Amino acid sequence: KGAQAFHLFLYRVDHKVMSLSVNS
């Protein structure tokens, strides 16, 4: 398999989440 979209989720200890998404 392969993919065209990738997502990076960063979970902070103060119950918040940041996300970064890139595409190919």
PDBML (XML) file of the C-alpha atoms, coordinates in Angstrom:
<?xml version="1.0" encoding="UTF-8" ?>
<PDBx:datablock datablockName="MODEL"
   xmlns:PDBx="http://pdbml.pdb.org/schema/pdbx-v50.xsd"
   xmlns:xsi="http://www.w3.org/2001/XMLSchema-instance"
   xsi:schemaLocation="http://pdbml.pdb.org/schema/pdbx-v50.xsd pdbx-v50.xsd">
   <PDBx:atom_siteCategory>
      <PDBx:atom_site id="1">
         <PDBx:B_iso_or_equiv>0.00</PDBx:B_iso_or_equiv>
         <PDBx:Cartn_x>0.000</PDBx:Cartn_x>
         <PDBx:Cartn_y>0.000</PDBx:Cartn_y>
         <PDBx:Cartn_z>0.000</PDBx:Cartn_z>
         <PDBx:auth_asym_id>A</PDBx:auth_asym_id>
         <PDBx:auth_atom_id>CA</PDBx:auth_atom_id>
         <PDBx:auth_comp_id>LYS</PDBx:auth_comp_id>
         <PDBx:auth_seq_id>1</PDBx:auth_seq_id>
         <PDBx:group_PDB>ATOM</PDBx:group_PDB>
         <PDBx:label_alt_id xsi:nil="true" />
         <PDBx:label_asym_id>A</PDBx:label_asym_id>
         <PDBx:label_atom_id>CA</PDBx:label_atom_id>
         <PDBx:label_comp_id>LYS</PDBx:label_comp_id>
         <PDBx:label_entity_id>1</PDBx:label_entity_id>
         <PDBx:label_seq_id>1</PDBx:label_seq_id>
         <PDBx:occupancy>1.00</PDBx:occupancy>
         <PDBx:pdbx_PDB_model_num>1</PDBx:pdbx_PDB_model_num>
         <PDBx:type_symbol>C</PDBx:type_symbol>
      </PDBx:atom_site>
      <PDBx:atom_site id="2">
         <PDBx:B_iso_or_equiv>0.00</PDBx:B_iso_or_equiv>
         <PDBx:Cartn_x>0.817</PDBx:Cartn_x>
         <PDBx:Cartn_y>3.683</PDBx:Cartn_y>
         <PDBx:Cartn_z>-0.233</PDBx:Cartn_z>
         <PDBx:auth_asym_id>A</PDBx:auth_asym_id>
         <PDBx:auth_atom_id>CA</PDBx:auth_atom_id>
         <PDBx:auth_comp_id>GLY</PDBx:auth_comp_id>
         <PDBx:auth_seq_id>2</PDBx:auth_seq_id>
         <PDBx:group_PDB>ATOM</PDBx:group_PDB>
         <PDBx:label_alt_id xsi:nil="true" />
         <PDBx:label_asym_id>A</PDBx:label_asym_id>
         <PDBx:label_atom_id>CA</PDBx:label_atom_id>
         <PDBx:label_comp_id>GLY</PDBx:label_comp_id>
         <PDBx:label_entity_id>1</PDBx:label_entity_id>
         <PDBx:label_seq_id>2</PDBx:label_seq_id>
         <PDBx:occupancy>1.00</PDBx:occupancy>
         <PDBx:pdbx_PDB_model_num>1</PDBx:pdbx_PDB_model_num>
         <PDBx:type_symbol>C</PDBx:type_symbol>
      </PDBx:atom_site>
      <PDBx:atom_site id="3">
         <PDBx:B_iso_or_equiv>0.00</PDBx:B_iso_or_equiv>
         <PDBx:Cartn_x>-0.886</PDBx:Cartn_x>
         <PDBx:Cartn_y>6.926</PDBx:Cartn_y>
         <PDBx:Cartn_z>0.746</PDBx:Cartn_z>
         <PDBx:auth_asym_id>A</PDBx:auth_asym_id>
         <PDBx:auth_atom_id>CA</PDBx:auth_atom_id>
         <PDBx:auth_comp_id>ALA</PDBx:auth_comp_id>
         <PDBx:auth_seq_id>3</PDBx:auth_seq_id>
         <PDBx:group_PDB>ATOM</PDBx:group_PDB>
         <PDBx:label_alt_id xsi:nil="true" />
         <PDBx:label_asym_id>A</PDBx:label_asym_id>
         <PDBx:label_atom_id>CA</PDBx:label_atom_id>
         <PDBx:label_comp_id>ALA</PDBx:label_comp_id>
         <PDBx:label_entity_id>1</PDBx:label_entity_id>
         <PDBx:label_seq_id>3</PDBx:label_seq_id>
         <PDBx:occupancy>1.00</PDBx:occupancy>
         <PDBx:pdbx_PDB_model_num>1</PDBx:pdbx_PDB_model_num>
         <PDBx:type_symbol>C</PDBx:type_symbol>
      </PDBx:atom_site>
      <PDBx:atom_site id="4">
         <PDBx:B_iso_or_equiv>0.00</PDBx:B_iso_or_equiv>
         <PDBx:Cartn_x>-1.342</PDBx:Cartn_x>
         <PDBx:Cartn_y>10.466</PDBx:Cartn_y>
         <PDBx:Cartn_z>-0.494</PDBx:Cartn_z>
         <PDBx:auth_asym_id>A</PDBx:auth_asym_id>
         <PDBx:auth_atom_id>CA</PDBx:auth_atom_id>
         <PDBx:auth_comp_id>GLN</PDBx:auth_comp_id>
         <PDBx:auth_seq_id>4</PDBx:auth_seq_id>
         <PDBx:group_PDB>ATOM</PDBx:group_PDB>
         <PDBx:label_alt_id xsi:nil="true" />
         <PDBx:label_asym_id>A</PDBx:label_asym_id>
         <PDBx:label_atom_id>CA</PDBx:label_atom_id>
         <PDBx:label_comp_id>GLN</PDBx:label_comp_id>
         <PDBx:label_entity_id>1</PDBx:label_entity_id>
         <PDBx:label_seq_id>4</PDBx:label_seq_id>
         <PDBx:occupancy>1.00</PDBx:occupancy>
         <PDBx:pdbx_PDB_model_num>1</PDBx:pdbx_PDB_model_num>
         <PDBx:type_symbol>C</PDBx:type_symbol>
      </PDBx:atom_site>
      <PDBx:atom_site id="5">
         <PDBx:B_iso_or_equiv>0.00</PDBx:B_iso_or_equiv>
         <PDBx:Cartn_x>-2.258</PDBx:Cartn_x>
         <PDBx:Cartn_y>12.231</PDBx:Cartn_y>
         <PDBx:Cartn_z>2.770</PDBx:Cartn_z>
         <PDBx:auth_asym_id>A</PDBx:auth_asym_id>
         <PDBx:auth_atom_id>CA</PDBx:auth_atom_id>
         <PDBx:auth_comp_id>ALA</PDBx:auth_comp_id>
         <PDBx:auth_seq_id>5</PDBx:auth_seq_id>
         <PDBx:group_PDB>ATOM</PDBx:group_PDB>
         <PDBx:label_alt_id xsi:nil="true" />
         <PDBx:label_asym_id>A</PDBx:label_asym_id>
         <PDBx:label_atom_id>CA</PDBx:label_atom_id>
         <PDBx:label_comp_id>ALA</PDBx:label_comp_id>
         <PDBx:label_entity_id>1</PDBx:label_entity_id>
         <PDBx:label_seq_id>5</PDBx:label_seq_id>
         <PDBx:occupancy>1.00</PDBx:occupancy>
         <PDBx:pdbx_PDB_model_num>1</PDBx:pdbx_PDB_model_num>
         <PDBx:type_symbol>C</PDBx:type_symbol>
      </PDBx:atom_site>
      <PDBx:atom_site id="6">
         <PDBx:B_iso_or_equiv>0.00</PDBx:B_iso_or_equiv>
         <PDBx:Cartn_x>-0.406</PDBx:Cartn_x>
         <PDBx:Cartn_y>12.089</PDBx:Cartn_y>
         <PDBx:Cartn_z>6.076</PDBx:Cartn_z>
         <PDBx:auth_asym_id>A</PDBx:auth_asym_id>
         <PDBx:auth_atom_id>CA</PDBx:auth_atom_id>
         <PDBx:auth_comp_id>PHE</PDBx:auth_comp_id>
         <PDBx:auth_seq_id>6</PDBx:auth_seq_id>
         <PDBx:group_PDB>ATOM</PDBx:group_PDB>
         <PDBx:label_alt_id xsi:nil="true" />
         <PDBx:label_asym_id>A</PDBx:label_asym_id>
         <PDBx:label_atom_id>CA</PDBx:label_atom_id>
         <PDBx:label_comp_id>PHE</PDBx:label_comp_id>
         <PDBx:label_entity_id>1</PDBx:label_entity_id>
         <PDBx:label_seq_id>6</PDBx:label_seq_id>
         <PDBx:occupancy>1.00</PDBx:occupancy>
         <PDBx:pdbx_PDB_model_num>1</PDBx:pdbx_PDB_model_num>
         <PDBx:type_symbol>C</PDBx:type_symbol>
      </PDBx:atom_site>
      <PDBx:atom_site id="7">
         <PDBx:B_iso_or_equiv>0.00</PDBx:B_iso_or_equiv>
         <PDBx:Cartn_x>-1.459</PDBx:Cartn_x>
         <PDBx:Cartn_y>13.587</PDBx:Cartn_y>
         <PDBx:Cartn_z>9.403</PDBx:Cartn_z>
         <PDBx:auth_asym_id>A</PDBx:auth_asym_id>
         <PDBx:auth_atom_id>CA</PDBx:auth_atom_id>
         <PDBx:auth_comp_id>HIS</PDBx:auth_comp_id>
         <PDBx:auth_seq_id>7</PDBx:auth_seq_id>
         <PDBx:group_PDB>ATOM</PDBx:group_PDB>
         <PDBx:label_alt_id xsi:nil="true" />
         <PDBx:label_asym_id>A</PDBx:label_asym_id>
         <PDBx:label_atom_id>CA</PDBx:label_atom_id>
         <PDBx:label_comp_id>HIS</PDBx:label_comp_id>
         <PDBx:label_entity_id>1</PDBx:label_entity_id>
         <PDBx:label_seq_id>7</PDBx:label_seq_id>
         <PDBx:occupancy>1.00</PDBx:occupancy>
         <PDBx:pdbx_PDB_model_num>1</PDBx:pdbx_PDB_model_num>
         <PDBx:type_symbol>C</PDBx:type_symbol>
      </PDBx:atom_site>
      <PDBx:atom_site id="8">
         <PDBx:B_iso_or_equiv>0.00</PDBx:B_iso_or_equiv>
         <PDBx:Cartn_x>0.702</PDBx:Cartn_x>
         <PDBx:Cartn_y>14.245</PDBx:Cartn_y>
         <PDBx:Cartn_z>12.461</PDBx:Cartn_z>
         <PDBx:auth_asym_id>A</PDBx:auth_asym_id>
         <PDBx:auth_atom_id>CA</PDBx:auth_atom_id>
         <PDBx:auth_comp_id>LEU</PDBx:auth_comp_id>
         <PDBx:auth_seq_id>8</PDBx:auth_seq_id>
         <PDBx:group_PDB>ATOM</PDBx:group_PDB>
         <PDBx:label_alt_id xsi:nil="true" />
         <PDBx:label_asym_id>A</PDBx:label_asym_id>
         <PDBx:label_atom_id>CA</PDBx:label_atom_id>
         <PDBx:label_comp_id>LEU</PDBx:label_comp_id>
         <PDBx:label_entity_id>1</PDBx:label_entity_id>
         <PDBx:label_seq_id>8</PDBx:label_seq_id>
         <PDBx:occupancy>1.00</PDBx:occupancy>
         <PDBx:pdbx_PDB_model_num>1</PDBx:pdbx_PDB_model_num>
         <PDBx:type_symbol>C</PDBx:type_symbol>
      </PDBx:atom_site>
      <PDBx:atom_site id="9">
         <PDBx:B_iso_or_equiv>0.00</PDBx:B_iso_or_equiv>
         <PDBx:Cartn_x>-1.182</PDBx:Cartn_x>
         <PDBx:Cartn_y>14.647</PDBx:Cartn_y>
         <PDBx:Cartn_z>15.744</PDBx:Cartn_z>
         <PDBx:auth_asym_id>A</PDBx:auth_asym_id>
         <PDBx:auth_atom_id>CA</PDBx:auth_atom_id>
         <PDBx:auth_comp_id>PHE</PDBx:auth_comp_id>
         <PDBx:auth_seq_id>9</PDBx:auth_seq_id>
         <PDBx:group_PDB>ATOM</PDBx:group_PDB>
         <PDBx:label_alt_id xsi:nil="true" />
         <PDBx:label_asym_id>A</PDBx:label_asym_id>
         <PDBx:label_atom_id>CA</PDBx:label_atom_id>
         <PDBx:label_comp_id>PHE</PDBx:label_comp_id>
         <PDBx:label_entity_id>1</PDBx:label_entity_id>
         <PDBx:label_seq_id>9</PDBx:label_seq_id>
         <PDBx:occupancy>1.00</PDBx:occupancy>
         <PDBx:pdbx_PDB_model_num>1</PDBx:pdbx_PDB_model_num>
         <PDBx:type_symbol>C</PDBx:type_symbol>
      </PDBx:atom_site>
      <PDBx:atom_site id="10">
         <PDBx:B_iso_or_equiv>0.00</PDBx:B_iso_or_equiv>
         <PDBx:Cartn_x>0.613</PDBx:Cartn_x>
         <PDBx:Cartn_y>16.182</PDBx:Cartn_y>
         <PDBx:Cartn_z>18.740</PDBx:Cartn_z>
         <PDBx:auth_asym_id>A</PDBx:auth_asym_id>
         <PDBx:auth_atom_id>CA</PDBx:auth_atom_id>
         <PDBx:auth_comp_id>LEU</PDBx:auth_comp_id>
         <PDBx:auth_seq_id>10</PDBx:auth_seq_id>
         <PDBx:group_PDB>ATOM</PDBx:group_PDB>
         <PDBx:label_alt_id xsi:nil="true" />
         <PDBx:label_asym_id>A</PDBx:label_asym_id>
         <PDBx:label_atom_id>CA</PDBx:label_atom_id>
         <PDBx:label_comp_id>LEU</PDBx:label_comp_id>
         <PDBx:label_entity_id>1</PDBx:label_entity_id>
         <PDBx:label_seq_id>10</PDBx:label_seq_id>
         <PDBx:occupancy>1.00</PDBx:occupancy>
         <PDBx:pdbx_PDB_model_num>1</PDBx:pdbx_PDB_model_num>
         <PDBx:type_symbol>C</PDBx:type_symbol>
      </PDBx:atom_site>
      <PDBx:atom_site id="11">
         <PDBx:B_iso_or_equiv>0.00</PDBx:B_iso_or_equiv>
         <PDBx:Cartn_x>-1.090</PDBx:Cartn_x>
         <PDBx:Cartn_y>15.496</PDBx:Cartn_y>
         <PDBx:Cartn_z>22.073</PDBx:Cartn_z>
         <PDBx:auth_asym_id>A</PDBx:auth_asym_id>
         <PDBx:auth_atom_id>CA</PDBx:auth_atom_id>
         <PDBx:auth_comp_id>TYR</PDBx:auth_comp_id>
         <PDBx:auth_seq_id>11</PDBx:auth_seq_id>
         <PDBx:group_PDB>ATOM</PDBx:group_PDB>
         <PDBx:label_alt_id xsi:nil="true" />
         <PDBx:label_asym_id>A</PDBx:label_asym_id>
         <PDBx:label_atom_id>CA</PDBx:label_atom_id>
         <PDBx:label_comp_id>TYR</PDBx:label_comp_id>
         <PDBx:label_entity_id>1</PDBx:label_entity_id>
         <PDBx:label_seq_id>11</PDBx:label_seq_id>
         <PDBx:occupancy>1.00</PDBx:occupancy>
         <PDBx:pdbx_PDB_model_num>1</PDBx:pdbx_PDB_model_num>
         <PDBx:type_symbol>C</PDBx:type_symbol>
      </PDBx:atom_site>
      <PDBx:atom_site id="12">
         <PDBx:B_iso_or_equiv>0.00</PDBx:B_iso_or_equiv>
         <PDBx:Cartn_x>-0.295</PDBx:Cartn_x>
         <PDBx:Cartn_y>17.997</PDBx:Cartn_y>
         <PDBx:Cartn_z>24.793</PDBx:Cartn_z>
         <PDBx:auth_asym_id>A</PDBx:auth_asym_id>
         <PDBx:auth_atom_id>CA</PDBx:auth_atom_id>
         <PDBx:auth_comp_id>ARG</PDBx:auth_comp_id>
         <PDBx:auth_seq_id>12</PDBx:auth_seq_id>
         <PDBx:group_PDB>ATOM</PDBx:group_PDB>
         <PDBx:label_alt_id xsi:nil="true" />
         <PDBx:label_asym_id>A</PDBx:label_asym_id>
         <PDBx:label_atom_id>CA</PDBx:label_atom_id>
         <PDBx:label_comp_id>ARG</PDBx:label_comp_id>
         <PDBx:label_entity_id>1</PDBx:label_entity_id>
         <PDBx:label_seq_id>12</PDBx:label_seq_id>
         <PDBx:occupancy>1.00</PDBx:occupancy>
         <PDBx:pdbx_PDB_model_num>1</PDBx:pdbx_PDB_model_num>
         <PDBx:type_symbol>C</PDBx:type_symbol>
      </PDBx:atom_site>
      <PDBx:atom_site id="13">
         <PDBx:B_iso_or_equiv>0.00</PDBx:B_iso_or_equiv>
         <PDBx:Cartn_x>-0.493</PDBx:Cartn_x>
         <PDBx:Cartn_y>17.201</PDBx:Cartn_y>
         <PDBx:Cartn_z>28.476</PDBx:Cartn_z>
         <PDBx:auth_asym_id>A</PDBx:auth_asym_id>
         <PDBx:auth_atom_id>CA</PDBx:auth_atom_id>
         <PDBx:auth_comp_id>VAL</PDBx:auth_comp_id>
         <PDBx:auth_seq_id>13</PDBx:auth_seq_id>
         <PDBx:group_PDB>ATOM</PDBx:group_PDB>
         <PDBx:label_alt_id xsi:nil="true" />
         <PDBx:label_asym_id>A</PDBx:label_asym_id>
         <PDBx:label_atom_id>CA</PDBx:label_atom_id>
         <PDBx:label_comp_id>VAL</PDBx:label_comp_id>
         <PDBx:label_entity_id>1</PDBx:label_entity_id>
         <PDBx:label_seq_id>13</PDBx:label_seq_id>
         <PDBx:occupancy>1.00</PDBx:occupancy>
         <PDBx:pdbx_PDB_model_num>1</PDBx:pdbx_PDB_model_num>
         <PDBx:type_symbol>C</PDBx:type_symbol>
      </PDBx:atom_site>
      <PDBx:atom_site id="14">
         <PDBx:B_iso_or_equiv>0.00</PDBx:B_iso_or_equiv>
         <PDBx:Cartn_x>-3.004</PDBx:Cartn_x>
         <PDBx:Cartn_y>20.070</PDBx:Cartn_y>
         <PDBx:Cartn_z>28.990</PDBx:Cartn_z>
         <PDBx:auth_asym_id>A</PDBx:auth_asym_id>
         <PDBx:auth_atom_id>CA</PDBx:auth_atom_id>
         <PDBx:auth_comp_id>ASP</PDBx:auth_comp_id>
         <PDBx:auth_seq_id>14</PDBx:auth_seq_id>
         <PDBx:group_PDB>ATOM</PDBx:group_PDB>
         <PDBx:label_alt_id xsi:nil="true" />
         <PDBx:label_asym_id>A</PDBx:label_asym_id>
         <PDBx:label_atom_id>CA</PDBx:label_atom_id>
         <PDBx:label_comp_id>ASP</PDBx:label_comp_id>
         <PDBx:label_entity_id>1</PDBx:label_entity_id>
         <PDBx:label_seq_id>14</PDBx:label_seq_id>
         <PDBx:occupancy>1.00</PDBx:occupancy>
         <PDBx:pdbx_PDB_model_num>1</PDBx:pdbx_PDB_model_num>
         <PDBx:type_symbol>C</PDBx:type_symbol>
      </PDBx:atom_site>
      <PDBx:atom_site id="15">
         <PDBx:B_iso_or_equiv>0.00</PDBx:B_iso_or_equiv>
         <PDBx:Cartn_x>-5.720</PDBx:Cartn_x>
         <PDBx:Cartn_y>18.160</PDBx:Cartn_y>
         <PDBx:Cartn_z>27.041</PDBx:Cartn_z>
         <PDBx:auth_asym_id>A</PDBx:auth_asym_id>
         <PDBx:auth_atom_id>CA</PDBx:auth_atom_id>
         <PDBx:auth_comp_id>HIS</PDBx:auth_comp_id>
         <PDBx:auth_seq_id>15</PDBx:auth_seq_id>
         <PDBx:group_PDB>ATOM</PDBx:group_PDB>
         <PDBx:label_alt_id xsi:nil="true" />
         <PDBx:label_asym_id>A</PDBx:label_asym_id>
         <PDBx:label_atom_id>CA</PDBx:label_atom_id>
         <PDBx:label_comp_id>HIS</PDBx:label_comp_id>
         <PDBx:label_entity_id>1</PDBx:label_entity_id>
         <PDBx:label_seq_id>15</PDBx:label_seq_id>
         <PDBx:occupancy>1.00</PDBx:occupancy>
         <PDBx:pdbx_PDB_model_num>1</PDBx:pdbx_PDB_model_num>
         <PDBx:type_symbol>C</PDBx:type_symbol>
      </PDBx:atom_site>
      <PDBx:atom_site id="16">
         <PDBx:B_iso_or_equiv>0.00</PDBx:B_iso_or_equiv>
         <PDBx:Cartn_x>-5.148</PDBx:Cartn_x>
         <PDBx:Cartn_y>19.882</PDBx:Cartn_y>
         <PDBx:Cartn_z>23.699</PDBx:Cartn_z>
         <PDBx:auth_asym_id>A</PDBx:auth_asym_id>
         <PDBx:auth_atom_id>CA</PDBx:auth_atom_id>
         <PDBx:auth_comp_id>LYS</PDBx:auth_comp_id>
         <PDBx:auth_seq_id>16</PDBx:auth_seq_id>
         <PDBx:group_PDB>ATOM</PDBx:group_PDB>
         <PDBx:label_alt_id xsi:nil="true" />
         <PDBx:label_asym_id>A</PDBx:label_asym_id>
         <PDBx:label_atom_id>CA</PDBx:label_atom_id>
         <PDBx:label_comp_id>LYS</PDBx:label_comp_id>
         <PDBx:label_entity_id>1</PDBx:label_entity_id>
         <PDBx:label_seq_id>16</PDBx:label_seq_id>
         <PDBx:occupancy>1.00</PDBx:occupancy>
         <PDBx:pdbx_PDB_model_num>1</PDBx:pdbx_PDB_model_num>
         <PDBx:type_symbol>C</PDBx:type_symbol>
      </PDBx:atom_site>
      <PDBx:atom_site id="17">
         <PDBx:B_iso_or_equiv>0.00</PDBx:B_iso_or_equiv>
         <PDBx:Cartn_x>-4.125</PDBx:Cartn_x>
         <PDBx:Cartn_y>18.426</PDBx:Cartn_y>
         <PDBx:Cartn_z>20.369</PDBx:Cartn_z>
         <PDBx:auth_asym_id>A</PDBx:auth_asym_id>
         <PDBx:auth_atom_id>CA</PDBx:auth_atom_id>
         <PDBx:auth_comp_id>VAL</PDBx:auth_comp_id>
         <PDBx:auth_seq_id>17</PDBx:auth_seq_id>
         <PDBx:group_PDB>ATOM</PDBx:group_PDB>
         <PDBx:label_alt_id xsi:nil="true" />
         <PDBx:label_asym_id>A</PDBx:label_asym_id>
         <PDBx:label_atom_id>CA</PDBx:label_atom_id>
         <PDBx:label_comp_id>VAL</PDBx:label_comp_id>
         <PDBx:label_entity_id>1</PDBx:label_entity_id>
         <PDBx:label_seq_id>17</PDBx:label_seq_id>
         <PDBx:occupancy>1.00</PDBx:occupancy>
         <PDBx:pdbx_PDB_model_num>1</PDBx:pdbx_PDB_model_num>
         <PDBx:type_symbol>C</PDBx:type_symbol>
      </PDBx:atom_site>
      <PDBx:atom_site id="18">
         <PDBx:B_iso_or_equiv>0.00</PDBx:B_iso_or_equiv>
         <PDBx:Cartn_x>-2.329</PDBx:Cartn_x>
         <PDBx:Cartn_y>20.025</PDBx:Cartn_y>
         <PDBx:Cartn_z>17.435</PDBx:Cartn_z>
         <PDBx:auth_asym_id>A</PDBx:auth_asym_id>
         <PDBx:auth_atom_id>CA</PDBx:auth_atom_id>
         <PDBx:auth_comp_id>MET</PDBx:auth_comp_id>
         <PDBx:auth_seq_id>18</PDBx:auth_seq_id>
         <PDBx:group_PDB>ATOM</PDBx:group_PDB>
         <PDBx:label_alt_id xsi:nil="true" />
         <PDBx:label_asym_id>A</PDBx:label_asym_id>
         <PDBx:label_atom_id>CA</PDBx:label_atom_id>
         <PDBx:label_comp_id>MET</PDBx:label_comp_id>
         <PDBx:label_entity_id>1</PDBx:label_entity_id>
         <PDBx:label_seq_id>18</PDBx:label_seq_id>
         <PDBx:occupancy>1.00</PDBx:occupancy>
         <PDBx:pdbx_PDB_model_num>1</PDBx:pdbx_PDB_model_num>
         <PDBx:type_symbol>C</PDBx:type_symbol>
      </PDBx:atom_site>
      <PDBx:atom_site id="19">
         <PDBx:B_iso_or_equiv>0.00</PDBx:B_iso_or_equiv>
         <PDBx:Cartn_x>-2.386</PDBx:Cartn_x>
         <PDBx:Cartn_y>18.557</PDBx:Cartn_y>
         <PDBx:Cartn_z>13.957</PDBx:Cartn_z>
         <PDBx:auth_asym_id>A</PDBx:auth_asym_id>
         <PDBx:auth_atom_id>CA</PDBx:auth_atom_id>
         <PDBx:auth_comp_id>SER</PDBx:auth_comp_id>
         <PDBx:auth_seq_id>19</PDBx:auth_seq_id>
         <PDBx:group_PDB>ATOM</PDBx:group_PDB>
         <PDBx:label_alt_id xsi:nil="true" />
         <PDBx:label_asym_id>A</PDBx:label_asym_id>
         <PDBx:label_atom_id>CA</PDBx:label_atom_id>
         <PDBx:label_comp_id>SER</PDBx:label_comp_id>
         <PDBx:label_entity_id>1</PDBx:label_entity_id>
         <PDBx:label_seq_id>19</PDBx:label_seq_id>
         <PDBx:occupancy>1.00</PDBx:occupancy>
         <PDBx:pdbx_PDB_model_num>1</PDBx:pdbx_PDB_model_num>
         <PDBx:type_symbol>C</PDBx:type_symbol>
      </PDBx:atom_site>
      <PDBx:atom_site id="20">
         <PDBx:B_iso_or_equiv>0.00</PDBx:B_iso_or_equiv>
         <PDBx:Cartn_x>-0.222</PDBx:Cartn_x>
         <PDBx:Cartn_y>18.941</PDBx:Cartn_y>
         <PDBx:Cartn_z>10.863</PDBx:Cartn_z>
         <PDBx:auth_asym_id>A</PDBx:auth_asym_id>
         <PDBx:auth_atom_id>CA</PDBx:auth_atom_id>
         <PDBx:auth_comp_id>LEU</PDBx:auth_comp_id>
         <PDBx:auth_seq_id>20</PDBx:auth_seq_id>
         <PDBx:group_PDB>ATOM</PDBx:group_PDB>
         <PDBx:label_alt_id xsi:nil="true" />
         <PDBx:label_asym_id>A</PDBx:label_asym_id>
         <PDBx:label_atom_id>CA</PDBx:label_atom_id>
         <PDBx:label_comp_id>LEU</PDBx:label_comp_id>
         <PDBx:label_entity_id>1</PDBx:label_entity_id>
         <PDBx:label_seq_id>20</PDBx:label_seq_id>
         <PDBx:occupancy>1.00</PDBx:occupancy>
         <PDBx:pdbx_PDB_model_num>1</PDBx:pdbx_PDB_model_num>
         <PDBx:type_symbol>C</PDBx:type_symbol>
      </PDBx:atom_site>
      <PDBx:atom_site id="21">
         <PDBx:B_iso_or_equiv>0.00</PDBx:B_iso_or_equiv>
         <PDBx:Cartn_x>-1.331</PDBx:Cartn_x>
         <PDBx:Cartn_y>17.552</PDBx:Cartn_y>
         <PDBx:Cartn_z>7.505</PDBx:Cartn_z>
         <PDBx:auth_asym_id>A</PDBx:auth_asym_id>
         <PDBx:auth_atom_id>CA</PDBx:auth_atom_id>
         <PDBx:auth_comp_id>SER</PDBx:auth_comp_id>
         <PDBx:auth_seq_id>21</PDBx:auth_seq_id>
         <PDBx:group_PDB>ATOM</PDBx:group_PDB>
         <PDBx:label_alt_id xsi:nil="true" />
         <PDBx:label_asym_id>A</PDBx:label_asym_id>
         <PDBx:label_atom_id>CA</PDBx:label_atom_id>
         <PDBx:label_comp_id>SER</PDBx:label_comp_id>
         <PDBx:label_entity_id>1</PDBx:label_entity_id>
         <PDBx:label_seq_id>21</PDBx:label_seq_id>
         <PDBx:occupancy>1.00</PDBx:occupancy>
         <PDBx:pdbx_PDB_model_num>1</PDBx:pdbx_PDB_model_num>
         <PDBx:type_symbol>C</PDBx:type_symbol>
      </PDBx:atom_site>
      <PDBx:atom_site id="22">
         <PDBx:B_iso_or_equiv>0.00</PDBx:B_iso_or_equiv>
         <PDBx:Cartn_x>0.632</PDBx:Cartn_x>
         <PDBx:Cartn_y>17.158</PDBx:Cartn_y>
         <PDBx:Cartn_z>4.283</PDBx:Cartn_z>
         <PDBx:auth_asym_id>A</PDBx:auth_asym_id>
         <PDBx:auth_atom_id>CA</PDBx:auth_atom_id>
         <PDBx:auth_comp_id>VAL</PDBx:auth_comp_id>
         <PDBx:auth_seq_id>22</PDBx:auth_seq_id>
         <PDBx:group_PDB>ATOM</PDBx:group_PDB>
         <PDBx:label_alt_id xsi:nil="true" />
         <PDBx:label_asym_id>A</PDBx:label_asym_id>
         <PDBx:label_atom_id>CA</PDBx:label_atom_id>
         <PDBx:label_comp_id>VAL</PDBx:label_comp_id>
         <PDBx:label_entity_id>1</PDBx:label_entity_id>
         <PDBx:label_seq_id>22</PDBx:label_seq_id>
         <PDBx:occupancy>1.00</PDBx:occupancy>
         <PDBx:pdbx_PDB_model_num>1</PDBx:pdbx_PDB_model_num>
         <PDBx:type_symbol>C</PDBx:type_symbol>
      </PDBx:atom_site>
      <PDBx:atom_site id="23">
         <PDBx:B_iso_or_equiv>0.00</PDBx:B_iso_or_equiv>
         <PDBx:Cartn_x>-0.286</PDBx:Cartn_x>
         <PDBx:Cartn_y>15.764</PDBx:Cartn_y>
         <PDBx:Cartn_z>0.887</PDBx:Cartn_z>
         <PDBx:auth_asym_id>A</PDBx:auth_asym_id>
         <PDBx:auth_atom_id>CA</PDBx:auth_atom_id>
         <PDBx:auth_comp_id>ASN</PDBx:auth_comp_id>
         <PDBx:auth_seq_id>23</PDBx:auth_seq_id>
         <PDBx:group_PDB>ATOM</PDBx:group_PDB>
         <PDBx:label_alt_id xsi:nil="true" />
         <PDBx:label_asym_id>A</PDBx:label_asym_id>
         <PDBx:label_atom_id>CA</PDBx:label_atom_id>
         <PDBx:label_comp_id>ASN</PDBx:label_comp_id>
         <PDBx:label_entity_id>1</PDBx:label_entity_id>
         <PDBx:label_seq_id>23</PDBx:label_seq_id>
         <PDBx:occupancy>1.00</PDBx:occupancy>
         <PDBx:pdbx_PDB_model_num>1</PDBx:pdbx_PDB_model_num>
         <PDBx:type_symbol>C</PDBx:type_symbol>
      </PDBx:atom_site>
      <PDBx:atom_site id="24">
         <PDBx:B_iso_or_equiv>0.00</PDBx:B_iso_or_equiv>
         <PDBx:Cartn_x>1.537</PDBx:Cartn_x>
         <PDBx:Cartn_y>14.038</PDBx:Cartn_y>
         <PDBx:Cartn_z>-1.936</PDBx:Cartn_z>
         <PDBx:auth_asym_id>A</PDBx:auth_asym_id>
         <PDBx:auth_atom_id>CA</PDBx:auth_atom_id>
         <PDBx:auth_comp_id>SER</PDBx:auth_comp_id>
         <PDBx:auth_seq_id>24</PDBx:auth_seq_id>
         <PDBx:group_PDB>ATOM</PDBx:group_PDB>
         <PDBx:label_alt_id xsi:nil="true" />
         <PDBx:label_asym_id>A</PDBx:label_asym_id>
         <PDBx:label_atom_id>CA</PDBx:label_atom_id>
         <PDBx:label_comp_id>SER</PDBx:label_comp_id>
         <PDBx:label_entity_id>1</PDBx:label_entity_id>
         <PDBx:label_seq_id>24</PDBx:label_seq_id>
         <PDBx:occupancy>1.00</PDBx:occupancy>
         <PDBx:pdbx_PDB_model_num>1</PDBx:pdbx_PDB_model_num>
         <PDBx:type_symbol>C</PDBx:type_symbol>
      </PDBx:atom_site>
   </PDBx:atom_siteCategory>
</PDBx:datablock>
